[in-house]
Amino acid sequence: MYRTFFRGGDYVDSAAAPALSDNVWAVVNLEILDGGDAYQSLMATLQPVH
């Protein structure tokens, strides 16, 4: 399972590795990270600032 983050903060999950484009910011392999510290740090950087 992959999570593709786009510039602007939106993301989509997909079973297959996504094609890269200019608006892709990061691709995370969720099976490898399994919700670990690196994934949590990435998610924290994408949280909106209030």
C-alpha atoms as a PDB file:
ATOM      1  CA  MET A   1       0.000   0.000   0.000  1.00  0.00           C
ATOM      2  CA  TYR A   2       1.334   3.410  -0.968  1.00  0.00           C
ATOM      3  CA  ARG A   3       0.308   6.865   0.189  1.00  0.00           C
ATOM      4  CA  THR A   4       1.058   9.623  -2.329  1.00  0.00           C
ATOM      5  CA  PHE A   5       1.246  13.168  -0.972  1.00  0.00           C
ATOM      6  CA  PHE A   6       0.679  16.056  -3.324  1.00  0.00           C
ATOM      7  CA  ARG A   7       1.854  19.629  -3.046  1.00  0.00           C
ATOM      8  CA  GLY A   8      -0.791  21.375  -0.995  1.00  0.00           C
ATOM      9  CA  GLY A   9      -1.213  18.491   1.459  1.00  0.00           C
ATOM     10  CA  ASP A  10      -3.758  16.232  -0.249  1.00  0.00           C
ATOM     11  CA  TYR A  11      -2.976  12.527  -0.414  1.00  0.00           C
ATOM     12  CA  VAL A  12      -4.320   9.300  -1.897  1.00  0.00           C
ATOM     13  CA  ASP A  13      -3.741   5.651  -1.027  1.00  0.00           C
ATOM     14  CA  SER A  14      -3.173   3.022  -3.705  1.00  0.00           C
ATOM     15  CA  ALA A  15      -2.187  -0.632  -3.920  1.00  0.00           C
ATOM     16  CA  ALA A  16       0.237  -0.097  -6.812  1.00  0.00           C
ATOM     17  CA  ALA A  17       3.206   2.257  -6.868  1.00  0.00           C
ATOM     18  CA  PRO A  18       2.003   5.560  -8.336  1.00  0.00           C
ATOM     19  CA  ALA A  19       3.365   7.344 -11.376  1.00  0.00           C
ATOM     20  CA  LEU A  20       5.342  10.421 -10.397  1.00  0.00           C
ATOM     21  CA  SER A  21       4.413  13.867 -11.635  1.00  0.00           C
ATOM     22  CA  ASP A  22       5.358  17.480 -10.898  1.00  0.00           C
ATOM     23  CA  ASN A  23       2.664  17.819  -8.243  1.00  0.00           C
ATOM     24  CA  VAL A  24       3.782  14.767  -6.196  1.00  0.00           C
ATOM     25  CA  TRP A  25       5.621  15.763  -3.030  1.00  0.00           C
ATOM     26  CA  ALA A  26       6.289  12.319  -1.498  1.00  0.00           C
ATOM     27  CA  VAL A  27       5.420   8.643  -1.859  1.00  0.00           C
ATOM     28  CA  VAL A  28       5.352   6.559   1.324  1.00  0.00           C
ATOM     29  CA  ASN A  29       5.339   2.763   1.327  1.00  0.00           C
ATOM     30  CA  LEU A  30       2.980   2.129   4.235  1.00  0.00           C
ATOM     31  CA  GLU A  31       3.921  -1.548   4.544  1.00  0.00           C
ATOM     32  CA  ILE A  32       7.551  -0.657   5.275  1.00  0.00           C
ATOM     33  CA  LEU A  33       6.823   2.224   7.613  1.00  0.00           C
ATOM     34  CA  ASP A  34       3.895   0.518   9.320  1.00  0.00           C
ATOM     35  CA  GLY A  35       2.937   3.778  10.999  1.00  0.00           C
ATOM     36  CA  GLY A  36       6.369   4.228  12.607  1.00  0.00           C
ATOM     37  CA  ASP A  37       8.149   7.356  13.811  1.00  0.00           C
ATOM     38  CA  ALA A  38       9.224   8.509  10.337  1.00  0.00           C
ATOM     39  CA  TYR A  39       5.640   8.365   9.101  1.00  0.00           C
ATOM     40  CA  GLN A  40       4.360  10.226  12.168  1.00  0.00           C
ATOM     41  CA  SER A  41       6.998  12.947  11.640  1.00  0.00           C
ATOM     42  CA  LEU A  42       5.966  13.324   8.008  1.00  0.00           C
ATOM     43  CA  MET A  43       2.311  13.590   8.975  1.00  0.00           C
ATOM     44  CA  ALA A  44       3.152  16.261  11.573  1.00  0.00           C
ATOM     45  CA  THR A  45       4.810  18.420   8.906  1.00  0.00           C
ATOM     46  CA  LEU A  46       1.647  18.239   6.796  1.00  0.00           C
ATOM     47  CA  GLN A  47      -0.717  19.377   9.556  1.00  0.00           C
ATOM     48  CA  PRO A  48      -2.231  22.815   8.908  1.00  0.00           C
ATOM     49  CA  VAL A  49      -0.896  25.670  11.001  1.00  0.00           C
ATOM     50  CA  HIS A  50      -3.621  27.495  12.924  1.00  0.00           C
END
